[in-house]
């Protein structure tokens, strides 16, 4: 009876907060709470990056989560509520052309880029010297380049590099518009391949690559990570032509603009802050590499209170699904997956301070992961608001109708996608067909 009463009070409180605060204000409160609970090596970098490089805190947070996740890969796992979980997640940073998106991504991933630079040098040195030697080609094929990040690469390159680096592949895309444009084009084989790869990779499924002119191969357990940015005006493209229906959109953790620093600093980020962050991330990467050598994944257990807390939270998400409708309902269902990934990721970030990865996951860690999961849900609601506003733009609607007619997309699908009336869409179709002819 008391639990029911408490749940009712919580619901009332949530409704009150929704009326008092906008989703952006709620997200900002959540962001500050998250940063205050992160290890100093991370929270200090976020603050210093904001103060001296004017990098929005929310952008750097997502980039750091991507970096730590990619550094861990398949080396660490948990089993909770009957599911095996890893840390791979997909992060999408959203903002205007003038926002500081790319610097956040580059700053957080700098230690990973340094690692890739060193591995590339080793790869070049290990290649045979004599290219005229008959065995040169065969020997070169045997040498695999270790790599954590791929930037703005084709789907063919991404899958092949992941095949050679099975523990993880970090996909770093400066402008995601072109990727979403490909996936929204039903005639693009690359777009279909990207969508399939990201959907399968999210659950660490196998990936088979069959090629006519080259060797085929199989990634037995995929582990892709994604970090990229997109401009506000292209938000509708993310929801277009199957990206929403396939469930891919629900697997993205969006980050919209929350913070802004309008003062230019004459100072740099303190070297000690950069070193502390670098050491923390490098510790995780070194531990992961040692696991790769033995090929024995580290299984991390839960404290009893932590397990109970994640069980209770998962049940609350399931209950919420019964109450929500449309797009939010589908997104919440994917939160049941992302919470496990975030719990493991938070544990690794916290324990990177002293390499205590084998410790059991604490209730504090689960609470932090829940906060982050809810934070990204708030961002998703902000994205839906921006999407609705963008659909009111007559120019964009005209462009959507033009592409829909050219690609023989039904009016019914466009009505569902835009939320506009059937009669209005019908008039636009008729006008486009007439003008097009």
Protein backbone atom coordinates (compact mmCIF):
# COMPACT_ATOMS: atom_id res chain seq x y z
CA UNK A 1 0.00 0.00 0.00
CA UNK A 2 2.83 2.38 0.93
CA UNK A 3 4.66 1.64 -2.36
CA UNK A 4 1.51 2.44 -4.32
CA UNK A 5 1.11 5.68 -2.41
CA UNK A 6 4.74 6.64 -3.06
CA UNK A 7 4.35 5.88 -6.77
CA UNK A 8 1.29 8.12 -6.91
CA UNK A 9 3.18 10.93 -5.19
CA UNK A 10 6.08 10.51 -7.63
CA UNK A 11 3.70 10.72 -10.59
CA UNK A 12 2.12 13.89 -9.22
CA UNK A 13 5.56 15.40 -8.62
CA UNK A 14 6.63 14.55 -12.18
CA UNK A 15 3.52 16.21 -13.58
CA UNK A 16 4.16 19.32 -11.51
CA UNK A 17 7.78 19.49 -12.71
CA UNK A 18 6.69 19.07 -16.32
CA UNK A 19 4.44 22.11 -15.96
CA UNK A 20 7.07 24.22 -14.19
CA UNK A 21 10.14 23.33 -16.26
CA UNK A 22 10.69 22.96 -19.98
CA UNK A 23 12.48 19.83 -21.20
CA UNK A 24 15.59 21.92 -21.82
CA UNK A 25 15.55 23.17 -18.22
CA UNK A 26 15.06 19.63 -16.92
CA UNK A 27 17.97 18.38 -19.06
CA UNK A 28 20.22 21.14 -17.71
CA UNK A 29 19.38 20.19 -14.12
CA UNK A 30 20.12 16.55 -14.94
CA UNK A 31 23.40 17.49 -16.66
CA UNK A 32 24.72 19.39 -13.65
CA UNK A 33 23.71 16.53 -11.37
CA UNK A 34 25.54 14.02 -13.58
CA UNK A 35 28.73 16.09 -13.76
CA UNK A 36 28.78 16.47 -9.97
CA UNK A 37 28.72 12.67 -9.60
CA UNK A 38 31.42 11.85 -12.16
CA UNK A 39 35.06 11.14 -11.21
CA UNK A 40 37.20 14.32 -10.90
CA UNK A 41 39.31 13.38 -13.93
CA UNK A 42 36.16 13.67 -16.06
CA UNK A 43 34.16 16.40 -14.34
CA UNK A 44 37.17 18.73 -14.23
CA UNK A 45 37.83 18.30 -17.96
CA UNK A 46 34.19 19.10 -18.73
CA UNK A 47 34.35 22.29 -16.66
CA UNK A 48 37.76 23.40 -17.95
CA UNK A 49 36.77 22.64 -21.54
CA UNK A 50 33.71 24.83 -21.06
CA UNK A 51 35.67 27.67 -19.41
CA UNK A 52 38.67 27.84 -21.73
CA UNK A 53 37.55 26.32 -25.05
CA UNK A 54 33.84 27.23 -24.80
CA UNK A 55 32.89 23.60 -25.42
CA UNK A 56 29.30 22.96 -24.28
CA UNK A 57 29.36 20.66 -21.28
CA UNK A 58 26.71 18.37 -22.73
CA UNK A 59 28.68 17.86 -25.95
CA UNK A 60 31.85 16.94 -24.10
CA UNK A 61 29.98 14.57 -21.76
CA UNK A 62 28.62 12.54 -24.68
CA UNK A 63 32.03 12.52 -26.37
CA UNK A 64 33.69 11.26 -23.18
CA UNK A 65 31.12 8.49 -22.79
CA UNK A 66 31.88 7.45 -26.37
CA UNK A 67 35.63 7.47 -25.72
CA UNK A 68 35.46 5.32 -22.59
CA UNK A 69 33.02 2.94 -24.22
CA UNK A 70 35.22 2.45 -27.26
CA UNK A 71 38.25 1.91 -25.02
CA UNK A 72 36.45 -0.95 -23.25
CA UNK A 73 34.85 -2.81 -26.18
CA UNK A 74 34.07 -6.49 -25.71
CA UNK A 75 36.67 -6.85 -22.96
CA UNK A 76 34.16 -6.18 -20.16
CA UNK A 77 30.65 -7.51 -19.70
CA UNK A 78 27.86 -7.93 -17.21
CA UNK A 79 24.98 -10.35 -16.92
CA UNK A 80 21.88 -8.79 -15.45
CA UNK A 81 18.23 -9.84 -15.65
CA UNK A 82 19.29 -12.75 -17.90
CA UNK A 83 21.06 -10.59 -20.50
CA UNK A 84 24.75 -10.23 -21.37
CA UNK A 85 25.67 -6.56 -21.80
CA UNK A 86 28.56 -4.51 -23.19
CA UNK A 87 29.10 -0.74 -23.40
CA UNK A 88 28.56 0.03 -27.09
CA UNK A 89 26.29 3.05 -27.62
CA UNK A 90 25.49 5.53 -30.38
CA UNK A 91 25.81 9.27 -29.64
CA UNK A 92 24.40 12.05 -31.84
CA UNK A 93 25.30 15.68 -31.07
CA UNK A 94 22.79 18.21 -32.39
CA UNK A 95 23.32 21.95 -32.83
CA UNK A 96 23.57 24.87 -35.22
CA UNK A 97 26.46 25.51 -37.62
CA UNK A 98 28.11 27.86 -35.13
CA UNK A 99 28.05 25.48 -32.18
CA UNK A 100 31.29 23.93 -30.91
CA UNK A 101 30.51 20.31 -31.79
CA UNK A 102 33.68 18.92 -33.41
CA UNK A 103 36.12 20.23 -30.74
CA UNK A 104 34.24 18.27 -28.07
CA UNK A 105 34.56 15.08 -30.07
CA UNK A 106 38.25 15.64 -30.77
CA UNK A 107 39.18 16.60 -27.20
CA UNK A 108 37.53 13.56 -25.64
CA UNK A 109 39.02 11.17 -28.18
CA UNK A 110 42.54 12.63 -28.20
CA UNK A 111 44.07 9.71 -26.19
CA UNK A 112 42.44 7.25 -28.58
CA UNK A 113 43.81 9.14 -31.58
CA UNK A 114 47.27 9.04 -30.02
CA UNK A 115 46.94 5.29 -29.60
CA UNK A 116 45.89 4.93 -33.25
CA UNK A 117 48.85 7.07 -34.37
CA UNK A 118 51.29 4.82 -32.49
CA UNK A 119 49.68 1.66 -33.83
CA UNK A 120 49.81 3.03 -37.37
CA UNK A 121 53.55 3.68 -37.03
CA UNK A 122 54.06 0.11 -35.79
CA UNK A 123 51.96 -1.19 -38.68
CA UNK A 124 54.08 0.65 -41.25
CA UNK A 125 57.32 -0.56 -39.67
CA UNK A 126 56.14 -4.17 -39.64
CA UNK A 127 55.38 -4.25 -43.36
CA UNK A 128 57.95 -5.96 -45.65
CA UNK A 129 60.60 -3.60 -47.01
CA UNK A 130 60.97 -5.08 -50.48
CA UNK A 131 57.80 -4.45 -52.48
CA UNK A 132 59.31 -6.29 -55.44
CA UNK A 133 59.52 -9.49 -53.45
CA UNK A 134 56.98 -12.09 -54.62
CA UNK A 135 55.84 -12.71 -51.08
CA UNK A 136 55.23 -8.99 -50.36
CA UNK A 137 51.50 -9.02 -51.05
CA UNK A 138 50.85 -12.20 -49.08
CA UNK A 139 52.91 -11.03 -46.12
CA UNK A 140 51.17 -7.64 -46.13
CA UNK A 141 47.77 -9.34 -45.93
CA UNK A 142 48.79 -11.15 -42.75
CA UNK A 143 49.67 -7.90 -40.95
CA UNK A 144 46.64 -6.33 -39.30
CA UNK A 145 46.58 -2.71 -38.26
CA UNK A 146 45.20 -2.16 -34.76
CA UNK A 147 42.72 0.69 -34.78
CA UNK A 148 40.13 2.19 -32.43
CA UNK A 149 38.63 4.95 -34.57
CA UNK A 150 37.52 5.35 -38.17
CA UNK A 151 36.54 8.77 -39.42
CA UNK A 152 34.03 9.52 -42.20
CA UNK A 153 34.58 6.05 -43.68
CA UNK A 154 32.41 3.99 -46.03
CA UNK A 155 30.39 1.10 -44.66
CA UNK A 156 32.69 -1.29 -46.52
CA UNK A 157 35.75 0.17 -44.80
CA UNK A 158 34.05 0.21 -41.39
CA UNK A 159 33.04 -3.45 -41.47
CA UNK A 160 36.44 -4.60 -42.75
CA UNK A 161 38.32 -2.62 -40.10
CA UNK A 162 35.96 -4.03 -37.45
CA UNK A 163 36.69 -7.52 -38.77
CA UNK A 164 40.41 -6.87 -38.21
CA UNK A 165 39.71 -5.27 -34.81
CA UNK A 166 36.98 -7.49 -33.36
CA UNK A 167 36.89 -6.01 -29.85
CA UNK A 168 35.44 -2.67 -30.99
CA UNK A 169 35.25 -0.08 -33.72
CA UNK A 170 34.61 3.59 -32.99
CA UNK A 171 32.80 5.28 -35.86
CA UNK A 172 33.58 9.00 -35.79
CA UNK A 173 31.47 11.05 -38.24
CA UNK A 174 31.83 14.81 -38.22
CA UNK A 175 28.57 15.40 -40.13
CA UNK A 176 25.90 12.72 -39.85
CA UNK A 177 23.53 14.27 -42.38
CA UNK A 178 25.03 12.28 -45.24
CA UNK A 179 24.70 9.02 -43.31
CA UNK A 180 21.04 9.67 -42.51
CA UNK A 181 20.47 10.76 -46.10
CA UNK A 182 21.87 7.45 -47.33
CA UNK A 183 19.78 5.43 -44.90
CA UNK A 184 16.65 7.39 -45.87
CA UNK A 185 17.18 6.57 -49.55
CA UNK A 186 15.52 3.24 -50.31
CA UNK A 187 17.62 2.92 -53.48
CA UNK A 188 20.94 3.21 -51.64
CA UNK A 189 22.55 -0.15 -50.97
CA UNK A 190 25.11 1.55 -48.72
CA UNK A 191 22.30 3.15 -46.72
CA UNK A 192 20.64 -0.22 -46.20
CA UNK A 193 23.98 -1.75 -45.20
CA UNK A 194 24.62 1.03 -42.68
CA UNK A 195 21.21 0.65 -41.07
CA UNK A 196 21.54 -3.13 -40.85
CA UNK A 197 25.03 -2.90 -39.40
CA UNK A 198 24.02 -0.39 -36.71
CA UNK A 199 20.90 -2.35 -35.78
CA UNK A 200 22.80 -5.64 -35.48
CA UNK A 201 25.75 -4.00 -33.78
CA UNK A 202 23.62 -2.47 -31.05
CA UNK A 203 22.84 -5.94 -29.71
CA UNK A 204 26.33 -7.29 -30.51
CA UNK A 205 24.96 -9.67 -33.13
CA UNK A 206 27.10 -11.33 -35.78
CA UNK A 207 27.66 -9.59 -39.11
CA UNK A 208 28.20 -11.52 -42.34
CA UNK A 209 29.84 -9.71 -45.25
CA UNK A 210 29.46 -11.45 -48.61
CA UNK A 211 31.41 -9.98 -51.54
CA UNK A 212 31.66 -11.11 -55.17
CA UNK A 213 35.05 -9.64 -56.03
CA UNK A 214 36.85 -10.12 -52.71
CA UNK A 215 36.97 -12.47 -49.75
CA UNK A 216 33.84 -12.76 -47.64
CA UNK A 217 34.11 -12.65 -43.86
CA UNK A 218 32.10 -12.87 -40.64
CA UNK A 219 32.26 -10.73 -37.50
CA UNK A 220 31.13 -13.21 -34.86
CA UNK A 221 30.24 -10.59 -32.25
CA UNK A 222 30.03 -6.98 -33.40
CA UNK A 223 30.73 -4.02 -31.12
CA UNK A 224 30.41 -0.68 -32.94
CA UNK A 225 30.32 2.72 -31.25
CA UNK A 226 29.11 5.86 -32.98
CA UNK A 227 29.80 9.53 -32.35
CA UNK A 228 28.71 12.20 -34.79
CA UNK A 229 27.02 15.55 -35.16
CA UNK A 230 24.11 16.93 -37.16
CA UNK A 231 22.59 20.37 -37.57
CA UNK A 232 19.18 21.27 -36.15
CA UNK A 233 17.56 21.78 -39.54
CA UNK A 234 18.36 18.21 -40.57
CA UNK A 235 16.53 16.58 -37.66
CA UNK A 236 13.60 15.49 -39.90
CA UNK A 237 16.05 13.56 -42.07
CA UNK A 238 16.85 11.31 -39.11
CA UNK A 239 13.22 10.21 -38.91
CA UNK A 240 12.73 9.71 -42.65
CA UNK A 241 12.01 6.63 -44.75
CA UNK A 242 12.44 3.71 -42.38
CA UNK A 243 14.90 5.11 -39.84
CA UNK A 244 12.03 5.54 -37.40
CA UNK A 245 10.12 2.39 -38.32
CA UNK A 246 13.21 0.18 -38.10
CA UNK A 247 13.80 1.25 -34.51
CA UNK A 248 17.21 2.72 -35.32
CA UNK A 249 16.26 6.19 -34.06
CA UNK A 250 15.36 4.74 -30.66
CA UNK A 251 18.91 3.45 -30.26
CA UNK A 252 20.55 6.89 -30.55
CA UNK A 253 21.46 8.95 -27.50
CA UNK A 254 20.86 12.51 -28.65
CA UNK A 255 22.52 15.60 -27.20
CA UNK A 256 20.92 18.98 -27.86
CA UNK A 257 22.49 22.35 -27.00
CA UNK A 258 22.05 23.29 -23.32
CA UNK A 259 25.02 25.40 -22.21
CA UNK A 260 26.84 28.36 -23.74
CA UNK A 261 29.98 30.29 -22.82
CA UNK A 262 30.18 33.68 -24.54
CA UNK A 263 33.50 34.71 -22.97
CA UNK A 264 36.81 34.01 -24.72
CA UNK A 265 39.49 32.81 -22.32
CA UNK A 266 43.17 33.67 -22.62
CA UNK A 267 44.07 30.53 -20.67
CA UNK A 268 44.45 26.90 -21.67
CA UNK A 269 43.05 23.79 -20.04
CA UNK A 270 45.54 22.99 -17.22
CA UNK A 271 48.04 20.29 -18.18
CA UNK A 272 47.24 18.39 -14.99
CA UNK A 273 43.56 18.16 -15.96
CA UNK A 274 44.41 16.81 -19.41
CA UNK A 275 46.91 14.34 -17.94
CA UNK A 276 44.43 13.05 -15.35
CA UNK A 277 41.84 12.44 -18.05
CA UNK A 278 44.37 10.87 -20.39
CA UNK A 279 45.69 8.55 -17.66
CA UNK A 280 42.19 7.44 -16.70
CA UNK A 281 41.24 6.58 -20.28
CA UNK A 282 44.63 5.00 -21.01
CA UNK A 283 44.34 2.80 -17.90
CA UNK A 284 41.13 1.35 -19.27
CA UNK A 285 42.62 0.85 -22.71
CA UNK A 286 45.69 -0.95 -21.33
CA UNK A 287 43.51 -3.27 -19.25
CA UNK A 288 41.38 -3.98 -22.30
CA UNK A 289 44.48 -4.83 -24.36
CA UNK A 290 45.65 -7.31 -21.73
CA UNK A 291 42.25 -9.00 -21.92
CA UNK A 292 42.51 -9.13 -25.71
CA UNK A 293 45.76 -11.04 -25.43
CA UNK A 294 44.20 -13.72 -23.21
CA UNK A 295 40.84 -13.53 -25.03
CA UNK A 296 39.03 -13.88 -21.72
CA UNK A 297 36.38 -11.22 -21.15
CA UNK A 298 36.15 -9.77 -17.64
CA UNK A 299 32.76 -10.60 -16.14
CA UNK A 300 31.73 -7.95 -13.60
CA UNK A 301 29.22 -8.77 -10.87
CA UNK A 302 26.74 -6.59 -8.98
CA UNK A 303 26.38 -5.81 -5.33
CA UNK A 304 23.01 -7.00 -4.06
CA UNK A 305 21.66 -3.46 -3.60
CA UNK A 306 22.81 -2.48 -7.09
CA UNK A 307 21.11 -5.49 -8.68
CA UNK A 308 17.90 -4.71 -6.82
CA UNK A 309 18.02 -1.07 -7.93
CA UNK A 310 18.46 -1.87 -11.62
CA UNK A 311 15.66 -4.45 -11.41
CA UNK A 312 13.30 -1.90 -9.86
CA UNK A 313 14.22 0.74 -12.44
CA UNK A 314 13.75 -1.68 -15.35
CA UNK A 315 10.30 -2.58 -14.04
CA UNK A 316 9.41 1.12 -13.83
CA UNK A 317 10.40 1.54 -17.48
CA UNK A 318 8.25 -1.40 -18.46
CA UNK A 319 5.33 0.09 -16.55
CA UNK A 320 5.88 3.44 -18.27
CA UNK A 321 5.70 1.78 -21.69
CA UNK A 322 2.13 0.77 -20.92
CA UNK A 323 1.22 4.42 -20.32
CA UNK A 324 3.08 6.15 -23.15
CA UNK A 325 2.12 6.28 -26.83
CA UNK A 326 3.74 6.57 -30.26
CA UNK A 327 7.44 7.37 -30.59
CA UNK A 328 8.21 7.81 -26.88
CA UNK A 329 6.93 4.33 -26.10
CA UNK A 330 9.38 2.76 -28.55
CA UNK A 331 12.26 4.84 -27.22
CA UNK A 332 11.53 3.83 -23.63
CA UNK A 333 11.63 0.17 -24.65
CA UNK A 334 15.22 0.70 -25.86
CA UNK A 335 16.06 2.37 -22.54
CA UNK A 336 15.67 -1.11 -21.06
CA UNK A 337 18.79 -2.00 -23.08
CA UNK A 338 20.76 1.23 -22.75
CA UNK A 339 20.55 1.24 -18.94
CA UNK A 340 22.64 -1.94 -18.77
CA UNK A 341 25.24 -0.50 -21.15
CA UNK A 342 25.40 2.71 -19.14
CA UNK A 343 25.75 0.86 -15.82
CA UNK A 344 28.81 -0.99 -17.09
CA UNK A 345 30.21 2.16 -18.69
CA UNK A 346 29.80 4.18 -15.47
CA UNK A 347 31.50 1.41 -13.50
CA UNK A 348 34.50 1.44 -15.84
CA UNK A 349 34.82 5.23 -15.73
CA UNK A 350 34.70 5.28 -11.94
CA UNK A 351 37.13 2.38 -11.51
CA UNK A 352 39.61 3.76 -14.05
CA UNK A 353 40.94 6.00 -11.30
CA UNK A 354 42.65 3.00 -9.65
CA UNK A 355 42.25 0.10 -12.11
CA UNK A 356 39.75 -1.61 -9.79
CA UNK A 357 37.64 -2.95 -12.64
CA UNK A 358 37.03 -6.29 -10.94
CA UNK A 359 35.13 -4.65 -8.09
CA UNK A 360 31.42 -5.33 -7.95
CA UNK A 361 29.08 -2.72 -9.40
CA UNK A 362 27.70 -0.52 -6.63
CA UNK A 363 24.27 1.02 -6.07
CA UNK A 364 25.89 4.45 -6.54
CA UNK A 365 27.01 3.44 -10.03
CA UNK A 366 23.52 2.23 -10.94
CA UNK A 367 22.02 5.50 -9.68
CA UNK A 368 24.43 7.47 -11.88
CA UNK A 369 23.58 5.31 -14.90
CA UNK A 370 19.85 5.78 -14.29
CA UNK A 371 20.35 9.54 -14.14
CA UNK A 372 22.24 9.47 -17.45
CA UNK A 373 19.61 7.24 -19.07
CA UNK A 374 16.82 9.62 -18.03
CA UNK A 375 18.93 12.58 -19.16
CA UNK A 376 19.12 11.22 -22.70
CA UNK A 377 15.40 10.50 -22.63
CA UNK A 378 14.83 14.19 -21.90
CA UNK A 379 17.03 15.06 -24.88
CA UNK A 380 14.94 12.74 -27.03
CA UNK A 381 11.82 14.67 -26.04
CA UNK A 382 13.61 17.90 -26.98
CA UNK A 383 14.44 16.39 -30.38
CA UNK A 384 10.77 15.53 -30.89
CA UNK A 385 9.88 19.15 -30.13
CA UNK A 386 12.48 20.38 -32.64
CA UNK A 387 11.24 17.88 -35.19
CA UNK A 388 7.68 19.17 -34.86
CA UNK A 389 8.85 22.76 -35.23
CA UNK A 390 10.86 21.89 -38.31
CA UNK A 391 7.88 20.25 -39.92
CA UNK A 392 6.07 23.59 -39.73
CA UNK A 393 8.65 24.93 -42.13
CA UNK A 394 6.98 25.20 -45.54
CA UNK A 395 10.25 24.99 -47.45
CA UNK A 396 11.23 21.75 -45.76
CA UNK A 397 7.80 20.20 -46.32
CA UNK A 398 8.02 21.06 -50.00
CA UNK A 399 11.41 19.32 -50.21
CA UNK A 400 10.03 16.26 -48.40
CA UNK A 401 7.10 16.02 -50.83
CA UNK A 402 9.41 16.40 -53.82
CA UNK A 403 11.61 13.52 -52.69
CA UNK A 404 8.59 11.44 -51.72
CA UNK A 405 7.07 11.77 -55.19
CA UNK A 406 10.39 11.02 -56.91
CA UNK A 407 10.91 7.92 -54.75
CA UNK A 408 7.27 6.76 -55.00
CA UNK A 409 6.68 7.06 -51.26
CA UNK A 410 2.99 6.83 -50.39
CA UNK A 411 1.03 9.78 -49.02
CA UNK A 412 0.09 7.66 -46.01
CA UNK A 413 3.75 7.29 -45.01
CA UNK A 414 4.31 11.05 -45.28
CA UNK A 415 1.21 11.74 -43.17
CA UNK A 416 2.60 9.43 -40.47
CA UNK A 417 6.06 10.95 -40.73
CA UNK A 418 5.05 14.61 -40.59
CA UNK A 419 1.88 14.48 -38.53
CA UNK A 420 0.20 16.81 -41.05
CA UNK A 421 -3.34 16.25 -42.32
CA UNK A 422 -4.03 13.82 -45.14
CA UNK A 423 -5.86 16.47 -47.21
CA UNK A 424 -2.94 18.92 -46.91
CA UNK A 425 -0.40 16.28 -47.95
CA UNK A 426 -2.66 15.25 -50.84
CA UNK A 427 -2.73 18.84 -52.16
CA UNK A 428 1.05 19.09 -51.93
CA UNK A 429 1.44 15.78 -53.79
CA UNK A 430 -0.87 16.97 -56.57
CA UNK A 431 1.01 20.25 -56.89
CA UNK A 432 4.40 18.52 -56.99
CA UNK A 433 3.25 16.04 -59.64
CA UNK A 434 1.87 18.90 -61.73
CA UNK A 435 4.97 21.09 -61.36
CA UNK A 436 7.26 18.14 -61.87
CA UNK A 437 5.68 17.33 -65.18
